Amino acid sequence: MVAEGTPESLKSALRGDAIQIDIVEPDTLGKARLLVERMPGIGELHLDGATLRARVESGAAAVPAVLGVLDDAGIAVSSVTMSRPSLDDVYLRHTGRSFGTADRAEQERAA
């Protein structure tokens, strides 16, 4: 599938903010995903290594709520970021992986 349009039009098609949550223990990633995907206001949710990436209506409201749910479940978070839609988010929506993941896969194939 090829997405067409200007960078701004492609980014504006993604509603809301992106949040990225880095989980400390990889074995808790499945539980973290289940908890986060059940939360109200969580849109698209992708796993990328030990990172959960989600599209939310309001990052400012979602980040404290997500951190609270994960903390209550004993799931340690190493970092969390919030951003407006980027071209990496557009790529993620259309391919199911981030630029970084695609780059790593290409480097592994070349090696």
N, C-alpha and C. Protein backbone atom coordinates (compact mmCIF):
# COMPACT_ATOMS: atom_id res chain seq x y z
N MET A 1 0.85 -1.18 0.00
CA MET A 1 0.00 0.00 0.00
C MET A 1 0.89 1.24 0.00
N VAL A 2 0.56 2.18 -0.84
CA VAL A 2 1.30 3.43 -0.92
C VAL A 2 0.40 4.55 -0.41
N ALA A 3 0.92 5.32 0.53
CA ALA A 3 0.19 6.48 1.04
C ALA A 3 0.64 7.69 0.25
N GLU A 4 -0.30 8.48 -0.20
CA GLU A 4 0.04 9.67 -0.99
C GLU A 4 -0.44 10.92 -0.29
N GLY A 5 0.29 12.00 -0.51
CA GLY A 5 -0.07 13.30 0.04
C GLY A 5 1.15 14.03 0.53
N THR A 6 0.94 15.25 0.93
CA THR A 6 2.03 16.03 1.50
C THR A 6 2.33 15.51 2.90
N PRO A 7 3.53 15.77 3.41
CA PRO A 7 3.80 15.33 4.79
C PRO A 7 2.77 15.85 5.79
N GLU A 8 2.37 17.09 5.65
CA GLU A 8 1.38 17.65 6.59
C GLU A 8 0.02 16.97 6.48
N SER A 9 -0.41 16.66 5.25
CA SER A 9 -1.72 16.00 5.10
C SER A 9 -1.67 14.57 5.63
N LEU A 10 -0.55 13.87 5.42
CA LEU A 10 -0.43 12.51 5.95
C LEU A 10 -0.43 12.52 7.47
N LYS A 11 0.29 13.48 8.06
CA LYS A 11 0.33 13.57 9.53
C LYS A 11 -1.02 13.98 10.10
N SER A 12 -1.74 14.88 9.42
CA SER A 12 -3.02 15.34 9.95
C SER A 12 -4.08 14.24 9.91
N ALA A 13 -3.87 13.22 9.09
CA ALA A 13 -4.82 12.10 9.05
C ALA A 13 -4.75 11.27 10.34
N LEU A 14 -3.64 11.40 11.07
CA LEU A 14 -3.50 10.72 12.35
C LEU A 14 -4.05 11.63 13.44
N ARG A 15 -5.14 11.29 14.00
CA ARG A 15 -5.76 12.11 15.03
C ARG A 15 -5.11 11.85 16.39
N GLY A 16 -4.91 12.91 17.15
CA GLY A 16 -4.42 12.75 18.51
C GLY A 16 -2.90 12.76 18.60
N ASP A 17 -2.41 12.32 19.75
CA ASP A 17 -0.99 12.31 20.05
C ASP A 17 -0.47 10.88 20.06
N ALA A 18 0.83 10.75 19.94
CA ALA A 18 1.48 9.44 20.07
C ALA A 18 2.16 9.40 21.43
N ILE A 19 2.00 8.27 22.11
CA ILE A 19 2.78 8.06 23.34
C ILE A 19 3.62 6.81 23.14
N GLN A 20 4.80 6.85 23.72
CA GLN A 20 5.74 5.73 23.64
C GLN A 20 6.16 5.39 25.06
N ILE A 21 5.94 4.14 25.44
CA ILE A 21 6.25 3.68 26.79
C ILE A 21 7.28 2.57 26.70
N ASP A 22 8.45 2.79 27.29
CA ASP A 22 9.50 1.78 27.31
C ASP A 22 9.40 0.99 28.61
N ILE A 23 9.23 -0.32 28.46
CA ILE A 23 9.03 -1.22 29.59
C ILE A 23 10.39 -1.81 30.00
N VAL A 24 10.67 -1.83 31.30
CA VAL A 24 11.96 -2.31 31.81
C VAL A 24 12.12 -3.82 31.59
N GLU A 25 11.15 -4.60 32.02
CA GLU A 25 11.23 -6.06 31.95
C GLU A 25 10.44 -6.59 30.76
N PRO A 26 11.12 -7.15 29.75
CA PRO A 26 10.42 -7.64 28.56
C PRO A 26 9.35 -8.68 28.85
N ASP A 27 9.51 -9.46 29.93
CA ASP A 27 8.51 -10.49 30.24
C ASP A 27 7.19 -9.90 30.73
N THR A 28 7.15 -8.61 31.05
CA THR A 28 5.89 -7.97 31.47
C THR A 28 5.21 -7.24 30.31
N LEU A 29 5.80 -7.29 29.12
CA LEU A 29 5.28 -6.56 27.98
C LEU A 29 3.86 -7.00 27.59
N GLY A 30 3.61 -8.30 27.59
CA GLY A 30 2.27 -8.80 27.24
C GLY A 30 1.20 -8.30 28.20
N LYS A 31 1.51 -8.34 29.48
CA LYS A 31 0.57 -7.86 30.50
C LYS A 31 0.37 -6.35 30.34
N ALA A 32 1.46 -5.62 30.07
CA ALA A 32 1.35 -4.17 29.88
C ALA A 32 0.46 -3.84 28.69
N ARG A 33 0.63 -4.58 27.62
CA ARG A 33 -0.18 -4.34 26.42
C ARG A 33 -1.67 -4.57 26.73
N LEU A 34 -1.99 -5.66 27.40
CA LEU A 34 -3.38 -5.95 27.74
C LEU A 34 -3.99 -4.84 28.59
N LEU A 35 -3.23 -4.37 29.57
CA LEU A 35 -3.75 -3.31 30.45
C LEU A 35 -3.97 -2.01 29.68
N VAL A 36 -3.00 -1.63 28.85
CA VAL A 36 -3.10 -0.36 28.13
C VAL A 36 -4.19 -0.40 27.06
N GLU A 37 -4.30 -1.49 26.33
CA GLU A 37 -5.30 -1.54 25.25
C GLU A 37 -6.73 -1.51 25.78
N ARG A 38 -6.94 -1.85 27.05
CA ARG A 38 -8.29 -1.82 27.65
C ARG A 38 -8.67 -0.43 28.18
N MET A 39 -7.70 0.48 28.20
CA MET A 39 -7.96 1.80 28.75
C MET A 39 -8.79 2.65 27.78
N PRO A 40 -9.70 3.49 28.29
CA PRO A 40 -10.46 4.37 27.41
C PRO A 40 -9.54 5.40 26.76
N GLY A 41 -9.83 5.72 25.51
CA GLY A 41 -9.06 6.74 24.80
C GLY A 41 -7.82 6.23 24.11
N ILE A 42 -7.51 4.94 24.25
CA ILE A 42 -6.35 4.36 23.58
C ILE A 42 -6.78 3.91 22.19
N GLY A 43 -6.07 4.42 21.20
CA GLY A 43 -6.36 4.03 19.81
C GLY A 43 -5.41 2.92 19.38
N GLU A 44 -4.77 3.13 18.26
CA GLU A 44 -3.83 2.14 17.73
C GLU A 44 -2.76 1.83 18.77
N LEU A 45 -2.43 0.56 18.89
CA LEU A 45 -1.40 0.14 19.85
C LEU A 45 -0.48 -0.84 19.14
N HIS A 46 0.83 -0.56 19.17
CA HIS A 46 1.83 -1.40 18.52
C HIS A 46 2.93 -1.72 19.51
N LEU A 47 3.51 -2.92 19.35
CA LEU A 47 4.69 -3.31 20.12
C LEU A 47 5.90 -3.20 19.21
N ASP A 48 6.98 -2.67 19.74
CA ASP A 48 8.24 -2.55 19.00
C ASP A 48 9.35 -2.85 19.99
N GLY A 49 9.78 -4.11 20.03
CA GLY A 49 10.75 -4.52 21.04
C GLY A 49 10.12 -4.44 22.41
N ALA A 50 10.74 -3.69 23.32
CA ALA A 50 10.19 -3.50 24.68
C ALA A 50 9.45 -2.18 24.78
N THR A 51 8.95 -1.69 23.66
CA THR A 51 8.26 -0.39 23.62
C THR A 51 6.82 -0.56 23.16
N LEU A 52 5.92 0.06 23.91
CA LEU A 52 4.52 0.17 23.50
C LEU A 52 4.33 1.53 22.86
N ARG A 53 3.72 1.57 21.69
CA ARG A 53 3.40 2.83 21.03
C ARG A 53 1.90 2.87 20.84
N ALA A 54 1.29 3.97 21.27
CA ALA A 54 -0.17 4.09 21.18
C ALA A 54 -0.56 5.46 20.66
N ARG A 55 -1.69 5.51 19.98
CA ARG A 55 -2.28 6.76 19.54
C ARG A 55 -3.40 7.06 20.54
N VAL A 56 -3.40 8.28 21.07
CA VAL A 56 -4.38 8.67 22.09
C VAL A 56 -4.96 10.02 21.73
N GLU A 57 -6.16 10.30 22.23
CA GLU A 57 -6.79 11.59 21.97
C GLU A 57 -6.00 12.73 22.58
N SER A 58 -5.60 12.58 23.81
CA SER A 58 -4.85 13.62 24.52
C SER A 58 -3.70 12.99 25.28
N GLY A 59 -2.49 13.23 24.81
CA GLY A 59 -1.32 12.67 25.48
C GLY A 59 -1.18 13.16 26.90
N ALA A 60 -1.50 14.44 27.13
CA ALA A 60 -1.38 15.01 28.46
C ALA A 60 -2.28 14.31 29.47
N ALA A 61 -3.42 13.84 29.04
CA ALA A 61 -4.32 13.11 29.93
C ALA A 61 -3.97 11.62 30.00
N ALA A 62 -3.52 11.06 28.88
CA ALA A 62 -3.27 9.62 28.81
C ALA A 62 -2.02 9.20 29.56
N VAL A 63 -0.95 9.99 29.48
CA VAL A 63 0.32 9.57 30.08
C VAL A 63 0.19 9.28 31.58
N PRO A 64 -0.35 10.20 32.39
CA PRO A 64 -0.47 9.88 33.83
C PRO A 64 -1.37 8.67 34.09
N ALA A 65 -2.43 8.53 33.31
CA ALA A 65 -3.34 7.39 33.51
C ALA A 65 -2.64 6.08 33.17
N VAL A 66 -1.92 6.04 32.06
CA VAL A 66 -1.20 4.82 31.67
C VAL A 66 -0.14 4.48 32.70
N LEU A 67 0.63 5.48 33.13
CA LEU A 67 1.66 5.22 34.14
C LEU A 67 1.05 4.71 35.43
N GLY A 68 -0.10 5.23 35.82
CA GLY A 68 -0.78 4.76 37.03
C GLY A 68 -1.22 3.31 36.93
N VAL A 69 -1.80 2.94 35.80
CA VAL A 69 -2.25 1.56 35.59
C VAL A 69 -1.06 0.60 35.62
N LEU A 70 0.02 0.97 34.93
CA LEU A 70 1.19 0.11 34.90
C LEU A 70 1.85 0.01 36.28
N ASP A 71 1.92 1.12 36.99
CA ASP A 71 2.50 1.11 38.34
C ASP A 71 1.67 0.24 39.27
N ASP A 72 0.34 0.36 39.21
CA ASP A 72 -0.55 -0.46 40.05
C ASP A 72 -0.34 -1.95 39.78
N ALA A 73 0.04 -2.30 38.54
CA ALA A 73 0.25 -3.70 38.18
C ALA A 73 1.68 -4.15 38.44
N GLY A 74 2.53 -3.25 38.95
CA GLY A 74 3.91 -3.60 39.24
C GLY A 74 4.80 -3.67 38.02
N ILE A 75 4.41 -3.00 36.95
CA ILE A 75 5.19 -3.01 35.71
C ILE A 75 6.05 -1.75 35.67
N ALA A 76 7.36 -1.96 35.63
CA ALA A 76 8.32 -0.84 35.65
C ALA A 76 8.47 -0.24 34.25
N VAL A 77 8.48 1.08 34.22
CA VAL A 77 8.64 1.84 32.99
C VAL A 77 9.97 2.58 33.06
N SER A 78 10.77 2.49 32.00
CA SER A 78 12.05 3.21 31.99
C SER A 78 11.92 4.61 31.43
N SER A 79 10.98 4.80 30.50
CA SER A 79 10.75 6.15 29.96
C SER A 79 9.41 6.20 29.26
N VAL A 80 8.92 7.41 29.13
CA VAL A 80 7.68 7.65 28.39
C VAL A 80 7.83 8.98 27.66
N THR A 81 7.36 9.00 26.42
CA THR A 81 7.39 10.24 25.65
C THR A 81 6.04 10.44 24.98
N MET A 82 5.77 11.67 24.67
CA MET A 82 4.54 12.04 23.98
C MET A 82 4.91 12.97 22.84
N SER A 83 4.25 12.81 21.70
CA SER A 83 4.55 13.69 20.57
C SER A 83 3.33 13.84 19.68
N ARG A 84 3.36 14.90 18.90
CA ARG A 84 2.35 15.11 17.87
C ARG A 84 2.67 14.14 16.73
N PRO A 85 1.75 13.89 15.82
CA PRO A 85 2.01 12.96 14.73
C PRO A 85 3.25 13.34 13.92
N SER A 86 4.04 12.32 13.58
CA SER A 86 5.25 12.50 12.77
C SER A 86 5.17 11.59 11.54
N LEU A 87 6.12 11.75 10.64
CA LEU A 87 6.15 10.86 9.48
C LEU A 87 6.47 9.43 9.90
N ASP A 88 7.21 9.24 10.99
CA ASP A 88 7.43 7.89 11.52
C ASP A 88 6.11 7.27 11.94
N ASP A 89 5.21 8.07 12.52
CA ASP A 89 3.88 7.57 12.91
C ASP A 89 3.07 7.17 11.67
N VAL A 90 3.18 7.96 10.61
CA VAL A 90 2.49 7.63 9.35
C VAL A 90 3.01 6.30 8.83
N TYR A 91 4.33 6.13 8.82
CA TYR A 91 4.95 4.89 8.37
C TYR A 91 4.49 3.71 9.23
N LEU A 92 4.47 3.91 10.55
CA LEU A 92 4.03 2.87 11.47
C LEU A 92 2.59 2.46 11.17
N ARG A 93 1.73 3.42 10.92
CA ARG A 93 0.32 3.09 10.65
C ARG A 93 0.19 2.25 9.38
N HIS A 94 0.94 2.59 8.36
CA HIS A 94 0.78 1.91 7.07
C HIS A 94 1.58 0.62 6.95
N THR A 95 2.65 0.47 7.71
CA THR A 95 3.48 -0.73 7.60
C THR A 95 3.46 -1.62 8.83
N GLY A 96 3.04 -1.06 9.96
CA GLY A 96 3.02 -1.82 11.21
C GLY A 96 4.35 -1.86 11.92
N ARG A 97 5.33 -1.07 11.43
CA ARG A 97 6.63 -0.99 12.10
C ARG A 97 7.20 0.40 11.93
N SER A 98 8.10 0.77 12.85
CA SER A 98 8.70 2.10 12.80
C SER A 98 9.89 2.12 11.85
N PHE A 99 10.36 3.33 11.52
CA PHE A 99 11.57 3.45 10.69
C PHE A 99 12.74 2.71 11.33
N GLY A 100 12.90 2.86 12.64
CA GLY A 100 14.01 2.22 13.35
C GLY A 100 13.97 0.71 13.22
N THR A 101 12.80 0.13 13.36
CA THR A 101 12.65 -1.32 13.22
C THR A 101 12.96 -1.74 11.80
N ALA A 102 12.47 -0.99 10.82
CA ALA A 102 12.74 -1.30 9.42
C ALA A 102 14.23 -1.21 9.12
N ASP A 103 14.90 -0.20 9.67
CA ASP A 103 16.35 -0.05 9.47
C ASP A 103 17.12 -1.22 10.07
N ARG A 104 16.74 -1.64 11.28
CA ARG A 104 17.42 -2.77 11.92
C ARG A 104 17.23 -4.04 11.12
N ALA A 105 16.02 -4.26 10.63
CA ALA A 105 15.74 -5.46 9.83
C ALA A 105 16.56 -5.44 8.55
N GLU A 106 16.67 -4.29 7.92
CA GLU A 106 17.47 -4.18 6.69
C GLU A 106 18.94 -4.43 6.98
N GLN A 107 19.46 -3.93 8.08
CA GLN A 107 20.86 -4.16 8.44
C GLN A 107 21.12 -5.63 8.73
N GLU A 108 20.17 -6.30 9.37
CA GLU A 108 20.33 -7.73 9.66
C GLU A 108 20.32 -8.55 8.39
N ARG A 109 19.48 -8.17 7.42
CA ARG A 109 19.45 -8.89 6.14
C ARG A 109 20.75 -8.70 5.38
N ALA A 110 21.34 -7.51 5.48
CA ALA A 110 22.58 -7.20 4.76
C ALA A 110 23.79 -7.91 5.38
N ALA A 111 23.70 -8.24 6.68
CA ALA A 111 24.85 -8.84 7.38
C ALA A 111 25.02 -10.30 7.08
